[in-house]
Amino acid sequence: MIQTFHTATLETCYSDVPAVGRTFRIEIEERGPYTIELRSYLFDAYLVLRGETGEILAEDDDGAVGIHSRVTVELDPAKIYLVDACARDLLFLE
């Protein structure tokens, strides 16, 4: 289901267009560094990694090349994580 996302960074720096996307639930088996990427040539990718209760652990706009996003974080197997895969430019989604 496509939904609109809000974070302090999105509200402050990118208030000109809404960020829309989907949330994915992830669980990992081993503790360690993980890299999550969202790549698209059709829209400006934006990633938000949240803890199970919704707190923001990391977010990125253009951490990979161009309009692609990337977060690299240390994750714990005892926890559940939520990844918001967002498009910052709604016009490209129509």
Foldseek 3Di string as FASTA:
>chain_A
DKDWDDDPCCVPPPVPFTKIFDKDKDADDDWDKDKDKDDDPQFQKKKFKAWPVGHTPDIFGCPDDDSMTMDIDTDDRVTMMMMTIIGSDCVSVD
